[in-house]
Structures are given as structure tokens and as C-alpha cells.
Amino acid sequence: MPSVKNPNGPSKNRLAARAAKARKQAQKQSAAGRKSKVTKADQRRGARPGLLPTSGPNAAISAKKRRKLERKMEYALKRKMEEEREAEMKDAPEADDSTKDGGKATDEDMAVDTENIA
């Protein structure tokens, strides 16, 4: 007697279709909470949330170009910090020199209090 599967159960094809449908619904439901950040104009051109364009402002940047841009940004930040530091130094009042006449001390500066010598 030949072996035959249960004729009352669903076929393999039907089981696969049911599983695919369940996967699709679960994926849609999980994506419903996330709002797409792709603009309408880009969506009309075929953009989707998981895909990045190959050109334009939103295109992915290569690792080499990213490093170069980071370096440029660091240099710009460093220059800005230097300018701020120089601006602070210009605003600061100049220190008063106790010595006048080109660095020579006067008699008043050299005076010693002789009363409190013990």
C-alpha cells in the first residue's frame, strides 16, 4: 500500500502562502509606528526609507570623503577658537607696570620701611 499524506490538511503551497501573508502583515504593522523621513518629492522619484540616493545632498558619503570633511571641520573649529581667544586678549586691560622709565625702578619703588626693622 503506497504512503499518502492526509488529504484533509492544507497543501505545502497553501502553508507557504499563509506564512508569507503573516510575515507581510507583521512587517507592515511594525513599520506603521515609524514615520518615513523621506520627503514627498523624493518619494515620487522612487526613494524609500531604507535606501539612500546615489547623488544629491542626501547621498551617502564615502569613508575617505567623510574623514576629509571631519578634518576640515576640526580645522575650522580650531581657527574659530583661536579667533575667540585673540578677541578676549584684545578686550583685556593691559597690566600696569610698577616700573616706569623703560623698566628702571624709581626711588619710591626701592624705599624700605625702616621703622619696623628689629
N, C-alpha and C. Protein backbone atom coordinates (compact mmCIF):
# COMPACT_ATOMS: atom_id res chain seq x y z
N MET A 1 0.83 -1.17 0.00
CA MET A 1 0.00 0.00 0.00
C MET A 1 0.89 1.25 0.00
N PRO A 2 0.66 2.20 -0.94
CA PRO A 2 1.51 3.39 -1.03
C PRO A 2 1.23 4.37 0.10
N SER A 3 2.28 5.16 0.45
CA SER A 3 2.16 6.15 1.52
C SER A 3 1.55 7.43 0.94
N VAL A 4 0.48 7.90 1.54
CA VAL A 4 -0.21 9.11 1.07
C VAL A 4 -0.40 10.03 2.27
N LYS A 5 -0.16 11.33 2.07
CA LYS A 5 -0.35 12.26 3.19
C LYS A 5 -1.84 12.50 3.44
N ASN A 6 -2.13 13.13 4.53
CA ASN A 6 -3.52 13.36 4.92
C ASN A 6 -4.19 14.29 3.90
N PRO A 7 -5.20 13.87 3.23
CA PRO A 7 -5.85 14.70 2.21
C PRO A 7 -6.66 15.85 2.79
N ASN A 8 -6.91 15.82 4.10
CA ASN A 8 -7.73 16.87 4.70
C ASN A 8 -6.91 18.10 5.14
N GLY A 9 -5.57 17.99 5.19
CA GLY A 9 -4.73 19.11 5.63
C GLY A 9 -4.42 20.06 4.48
N PRO A 10 -3.94 21.28 4.81
CA PRO A 10 -3.61 22.23 3.75
C PRO A 10 -2.35 21.79 2.99
N SER A 11 -2.28 22.19 1.75
CA SER A 11 -1.12 21.82 0.93
C SER A 11 0.10 22.65 1.34
N LYS A 12 1.28 22.20 0.90
CA LYS A 12 2.51 22.94 1.21
C LYS A 12 2.45 24.35 0.62
N ASN A 13 1.89 24.45 -0.56
CA ASN A 13 1.78 25.74 -1.23
C ASN A 13 0.91 26.70 -0.41
N ARG A 14 -0.19 26.18 0.11
CA ARG A 14 -1.11 27.00 0.91
C ARG A 14 -0.45 27.43 2.23
N LEU A 15 0.31 26.51 2.85
CA LEU A 15 1.01 26.83 4.10
C LEU A 15 2.05 27.93 3.87
N ALA A 16 2.78 27.85 2.76
CA ALA A 16 3.80 28.85 2.44
C ALA A 16 3.15 30.21 2.21
N ALA A 17 2.01 30.22 1.52
CA ALA A 17 1.30 31.47 1.26
C ALA A 17 0.81 32.10 2.55
N ARG A 18 0.31 31.26 3.45
CA ARG A 18 -0.19 31.76 4.74
C ARG A 18 0.95 32.37 5.56
N ALA A 19 2.10 31.72 5.56
CA ALA A 19 3.26 32.23 6.31
C ALA A 19 3.75 33.55 5.71
N ALA A 20 3.76 33.63 4.39
CA ALA A 20 4.21 34.86 3.73
C ALA A 20 3.27 36.01 4.05
N LYS A 21 1.98 35.72 4.07
CA LYS A 21 0.99 36.76 4.38
C LYS A 21 1.17 37.25 5.82
N ALA A 22 1.42 36.34 6.74
CA ALA A 22 1.62 36.71 8.15
C ALA A 22 2.88 37.57 8.30
N ARG A 23 3.95 37.19 7.59
CA ARG A 23 5.19 37.98 7.64
C ARG A 23 4.96 39.39 7.12
N LYS A 24 4.24 39.49 6.01
CA LYS A 24 3.99 40.79 5.39
C LYS A 24 3.18 41.69 6.33
N GLN A 25 2.15 41.13 6.96
CA GLN A 25 1.33 41.92 7.88
C GLN A 25 2.13 42.36 9.10
N ALA A 26 2.97 41.49 9.62
CA ALA A 26 3.79 41.84 10.79
C ALA A 26 4.77 42.96 10.43
N GLN A 27 5.33 42.88 9.24
CA GLN A 27 6.28 43.91 8.81
C GLN A 27 5.59 45.26 8.65
N LYS A 28 4.40 45.25 8.06
CA LYS A 28 3.64 46.49 7.89
C LYS A 28 3.28 47.09 9.24
N GLN A 29 2.88 46.25 10.17
CA GLN A 29 2.46 46.73 11.48
C GLN A 29 3.64 47.34 12.24
N SER A 30 4.80 46.74 12.15
CA SER A 30 5.96 47.27 12.86
C SER A 30 6.44 48.57 12.22
N ALA A 31 6.25 48.71 10.92
CA ALA A 31 6.68 49.93 10.22
C ALA A 31 5.66 51.05 10.37
N ALA A 32 4.46 50.74 10.82
CA ALA A 32 3.42 51.76 10.94
C ALA A 32 3.78 52.80 11.99
N GLY A 33 4.50 52.39 13.04
CA GLY A 33 4.87 53.32 14.10
C GLY A 33 5.94 54.31 13.67
N ARG A 34 6.77 53.90 12.75
CA ARG A 34 7.84 54.79 12.28
C ARG A 34 7.32 55.63 11.13
N LYS A 35 7.48 56.92 11.25
CA LYS A 35 7.07 57.79 10.16
C LYS A 35 8.25 57.95 9.21
N SER A 36 7.97 57.87 7.95
CA SER A 36 9.02 57.98 6.94
C SER A 36 9.59 59.39 6.94
N LYS A 37 10.91 59.50 6.89
CA LYS A 37 11.56 60.81 6.88
C LYS A 37 11.96 61.21 5.46
N VAL A 38 11.47 60.47 4.49
CA VAL A 38 11.76 60.78 3.09
C VAL A 38 10.73 61.81 2.62
N THR A 39 11.21 62.85 1.98
CA THR A 39 10.30 63.91 1.53
C THR A 39 9.38 63.39 0.43
N LYS A 40 8.26 64.08 0.24
CA LYS A 40 7.30 63.65 -0.77
C LYS A 40 7.91 63.70 -2.17
N ALA A 41 8.69 64.74 -2.43
CA ALA A 41 9.30 64.86 -3.76
C ALA A 41 10.23 63.68 -4.03
N ASP A 42 11.00 63.28 -3.01
CA ASP A 42 11.89 62.14 -3.18
C ASP A 42 11.10 60.84 -3.34
N GLN A 43 9.99 60.73 -2.64
CA GLN A 43 9.17 59.52 -2.77
C GLN A 43 8.61 59.39 -4.18
N ARG A 44 8.26 60.52 -4.78
CA ARG A 44 7.75 60.47 -6.16
C ARG A 44 8.82 59.96 -7.12
N ARG A 45 10.07 60.22 -6.77
CA ARG A 45 11.17 59.75 -7.63
C ARG A 45 11.56 58.31 -7.32
N GLY A 46 10.90 57.69 -6.34
CA GLY A 46 11.16 56.29 -6.06
C GLY A 46 11.98 56.05 -4.81
N ALA A 47 12.24 57.07 -4.00
CA ALA A 47 13.03 56.89 -2.78
C ALA A 47 12.19 56.18 -1.73
N ARG A 48 12.85 55.35 -0.93
CA ARG A 48 12.20 54.64 0.16
C ARG A 48 13.03 54.82 1.42
N PRO A 49 12.45 54.60 2.61
CA PRO A 49 13.18 54.87 3.85
C PRO A 49 14.52 54.15 3.99
N GLY A 50 14.63 52.94 3.51
CA GLY A 50 15.88 52.20 3.69
C GLY A 50 16.94 52.50 2.66
N LEU A 51 16.60 53.23 1.61
CA LEU A 51 17.54 53.45 0.50
C LEU A 51 18.07 54.87 0.53
N LEU A 52 19.36 55.02 0.25
CA LEU A 52 19.95 56.35 0.14
C LEU A 52 20.17 56.67 -1.33
N PRO A 53 20.01 57.93 -1.71
CA PRO A 53 20.25 58.28 -3.11
C PRO A 53 21.73 58.20 -3.45
N THR A 54 22.03 58.05 -4.73
CA THR A 54 23.43 57.97 -5.15
C THR A 54 24.00 59.34 -5.48
N SER A 55 23.14 60.35 -5.52
CA SER A 55 23.62 61.71 -5.77
C SER A 55 22.73 62.68 -5.02
N GLY A 56 23.15 63.92 -4.98
CA GLY A 56 22.36 64.94 -4.29
C GLY A 56 22.80 65.13 -2.85
N PRO A 57 22.12 66.01 -2.13
CA PRO A 57 22.55 66.34 -0.77
C PRO A 57 22.38 65.19 0.23
N ASN A 58 21.49 64.27 -0.04
CA ASN A 58 21.26 63.17 0.90
C ASN A 58 22.04 61.91 0.54
N ALA A 59 22.92 62.00 -0.43
CA ALA A 59 23.67 60.82 -0.86
C ALA A 59 24.65 60.39 0.23
N ALA A 60 24.91 59.11 0.29
CA ALA A 60 25.87 58.59 1.26
C ALA A 60 27.26 59.08 0.90
N ILE A 61 28.04 59.44 1.92
CA ILE A 61 29.40 59.94 1.70
C ILE A 61 30.37 58.79 1.92
N SER A 62 31.36 58.70 1.06
CA SER A 62 32.35 57.63 1.20
C SER A 62 33.18 57.87 2.47
N ALA A 63 33.80 56.83 2.96
CA ALA A 63 34.58 56.92 4.20
C ALA A 63 35.74 57.91 4.04
N LYS A 64 36.37 57.91 2.87
CA LYS A 64 37.50 58.80 2.63
C LYS A 64 37.04 60.26 2.67
N LYS A 65 35.94 60.55 1.99
CA LYS A 65 35.44 61.92 1.97
C LYS A 65 34.95 62.34 3.36
N ARG A 66 34.37 61.40 4.11
CA ARG A 66 33.90 61.70 5.46
C ARG A 66 35.08 62.11 6.35
N ARG A 67 36.20 61.37 6.23
CA ARG A 67 37.39 61.72 7.02
C ARG A 67 37.90 63.11 6.65
N LYS A 68 37.92 63.41 5.35
CA LYS A 68 38.39 64.72 4.90
C LYS A 68 37.50 65.83 5.45
N LEU A 69 36.19 65.61 5.41
CA LEU A 69 35.26 66.63 5.91
C LEU A 69 35.43 66.82 7.42
N GLU A 70 35.63 65.73 8.15
CA GLU A 70 35.83 65.84 9.59
C GLU A 70 37.09 66.64 9.89
N ARG A 71 38.15 66.39 9.11
CA ARG A 71 39.40 67.12 9.30
C ARG A 71 39.19 68.61 9.05
N LYS A 72 38.47 68.94 7.97
CA LYS A 72 38.20 70.34 7.66
C LYS A 72 37.39 71.01 8.77
N MET A 73 36.41 70.28 9.29
CA MET A 73 35.58 70.84 10.36
C MET A 73 36.41 71.08 11.62
N GLU A 74 37.32 70.16 11.92
CA GLU A 74 38.18 70.34 13.09
C GLU A 74 39.07 71.56 12.94
N TYR A 75 39.64 71.74 11.74
CA TYR A 75 40.48 72.91 11.50
C TYR A 75 39.67 74.20 11.63
N ALA A 76 38.46 74.20 11.10
CA ALA A 76 37.61 75.39 11.18
C ALA A 76 37.28 75.71 12.64
N LEU A 77 36.99 74.68 13.42
CA LEU A 77 36.69 74.87 14.83
C LEU A 77 37.91 75.41 15.57
N LYS A 78 39.08 74.89 15.22
CA LYS A 78 40.31 75.34 15.85
C LYS A 78 40.57 76.82 15.54
N ARG A 79 40.37 77.21 14.27
CA ARG A 79 40.55 78.61 13.89
C ARG A 79 39.57 79.51 14.65
N LYS A 80 38.33 79.05 14.77
CA LYS A 80 37.32 79.83 15.48
C LYS A 80 37.71 80.02 16.94
N MET A 81 38.21 78.96 17.57
CA MET A 81 38.64 79.06 18.96
C MET A 81 39.80 80.04 19.10
N GLU A 82 40.74 80.01 18.15
CA GLU A 82 41.88 80.93 18.19
C GLU A 82 41.40 82.37 18.06
N GLU A 83 40.45 82.62 17.16
CA GLU A 83 39.92 83.97 16.98
C GLU A 83 39.24 84.46 18.26
N GLU A 84 38.49 83.59 18.91
CA GLU A 84 37.82 83.98 20.15
C GLU A 84 38.85 84.30 21.23
N ARG A 85 39.90 83.50 21.29
CA ARG A 85 40.93 83.72 22.29
C ARG A 85 41.63 85.06 22.04
N GLU A 86 41.91 85.38 20.77
CA GLU A 86 42.54 86.66 20.44
C GLU A 86 41.61 87.82 20.76
N ALA A 87 40.32 87.64 20.52
CA ALA A 87 39.36 88.69 20.83
C ALA A 87 39.33 88.94 22.34
N GLU A 88 39.41 87.89 23.13
CA GLU A 88 39.43 88.05 24.58
C GLU A 88 40.69 88.80 25.01
N MET A 89 41.81 88.48 24.39
CA MET A 89 43.06 89.13 24.77
C MET A 89 43.03 90.61 24.40
N LYS A 90 42.39 90.97 23.30
CA LYS A 90 42.31 92.37 22.91
C LYS A 90 41.43 93.15 23.87
N ASP A 91 40.38 92.51 24.37
CA ASP A 91 39.46 93.18 25.28
C ASP A 91 40.05 93.36 26.68
N ALA A 92 41.00 92.53 27.05
CA ALA A 92 41.55 92.57 28.40
C ALA A 92 42.37 93.85 28.59
N PRO A 93 42.26 94.48 29.77
CA PRO A 93 43.07 95.69 30.01
C PRO A 93 44.54 95.30 30.18
N GLU A 94 45.40 96.20 29.78
CA GLU A 94 46.82 95.92 29.90
C GLU A 94 47.24 96.08 31.35
N ALA A 95 48.17 95.25 31.78
CA ALA A 95 48.64 95.29 33.16
C ALA A 95 49.48 96.55 33.38
N ASP A 96 49.29 97.20 34.57
CA ASP A 96 50.08 98.39 34.89
C ASP A 96 51.47 97.96 35.33
N ASP A 97 52.47 98.58 34.76
CA ASP A 97 53.84 98.29 35.16
C ASP A 97 54.19 99.17 36.35
N SER A 98 54.69 98.55 37.41
CA SER A 98 55.09 99.33 38.58
C SER A 98 56.40 100.05 38.31
N THR A 99 57.13 99.56 37.35
CA THR A 99 58.38 100.23 37.00
C THR A 99 58.12 101.15 35.83
N LYS A 100 58.62 102.34 35.91
CA LYS A 100 58.44 103.33 34.84
C LYS A 100 59.80 103.64 34.24
N ASP A 101 59.81 104.45 33.26
CA ASP A 101 61.05 104.87 32.60
C ASP A 101 61.76 103.68 31.96
N GLY A 102 61.04 102.89 31.23
CA GLY A 102 61.66 101.81 30.47
C GLY A 102 62.18 100.68 31.32
N GLY A 103 61.53 100.36 32.41
CA GLY A 103 61.92 99.19 33.19
C GLY A 103 62.85 99.52 34.35
N LYS A 104 63.23 100.78 34.54
CA LYS A 104 64.10 101.13 35.66
C LYS A 104 63.25 101.45 36.88
N ALA A 105 63.65 100.96 38.02
CA ALA A 105 62.91 101.21 39.25
C ALA A 105 63.23 102.60 39.78
N THR A 106 62.22 103.27 40.31
CA THR A 106 62.42 104.61 40.87
C THR A 106 62.77 104.50 42.35
N ASP A 107 63.11 105.64 42.94
CA ASP A 107 63.46 105.65 44.37
C ASP A 107 62.25 105.29 45.23
N GLU A 108 61.07 105.68 44.79
CA GLU A 108 59.86 105.37 45.56
C GLU A 108 59.63 103.86 45.60
N ASP A 109 59.92 103.18 44.51
CA ASP A 109 59.73 101.74 44.46
C ASP A 109 60.76 101.03 45.34
N MET A 110 61.95 101.63 45.47
CA MET A 110 63.03 100.99 46.20
C MET A 110 63.01 101.33 47.69
N ALA A 111 62.12 102.23 48.11
CA ALA A 111 62.10 102.67 49.50
C ALA A 111 61.80 101.50 50.42
N VAL A 112 62.49 101.49 51.57
CA VAL A 112 62.33 100.42 52.55
C VAL A 112 61.77 101.03 53.82
N ASP A 113 60.84 100.35 54.43
CA ASP A 113 60.26 100.83 55.68
C ASP A 113 61.25 100.55 56.81
N THR A 114 61.92 101.60 57.26
CA THR A 114 62.98 101.42 58.26
C THR A 114 62.45 101.42 59.68
N GLU A 115 61.23 101.80 59.91
CA GLU A 115 60.69 101.86 61.27
C GLU A 115 60.46 100.47 61.86
N ASN A 116 60.08 99.51 61.05
CA ASN A 116 59.72 98.20 61.56
C ASN A 116 60.86 97.20 61.50
N ILE A 117 62.07 97.67 61.38
CA ILE A 117 63.21 96.75 61.34
C ILE A 117 63.59 96.43 62.78
N ALA A 118 63.68 95.20 63.12
CA ALA A 118 64.01 94.84 64.50
C ALA A 118 65.32 94.11 64.57
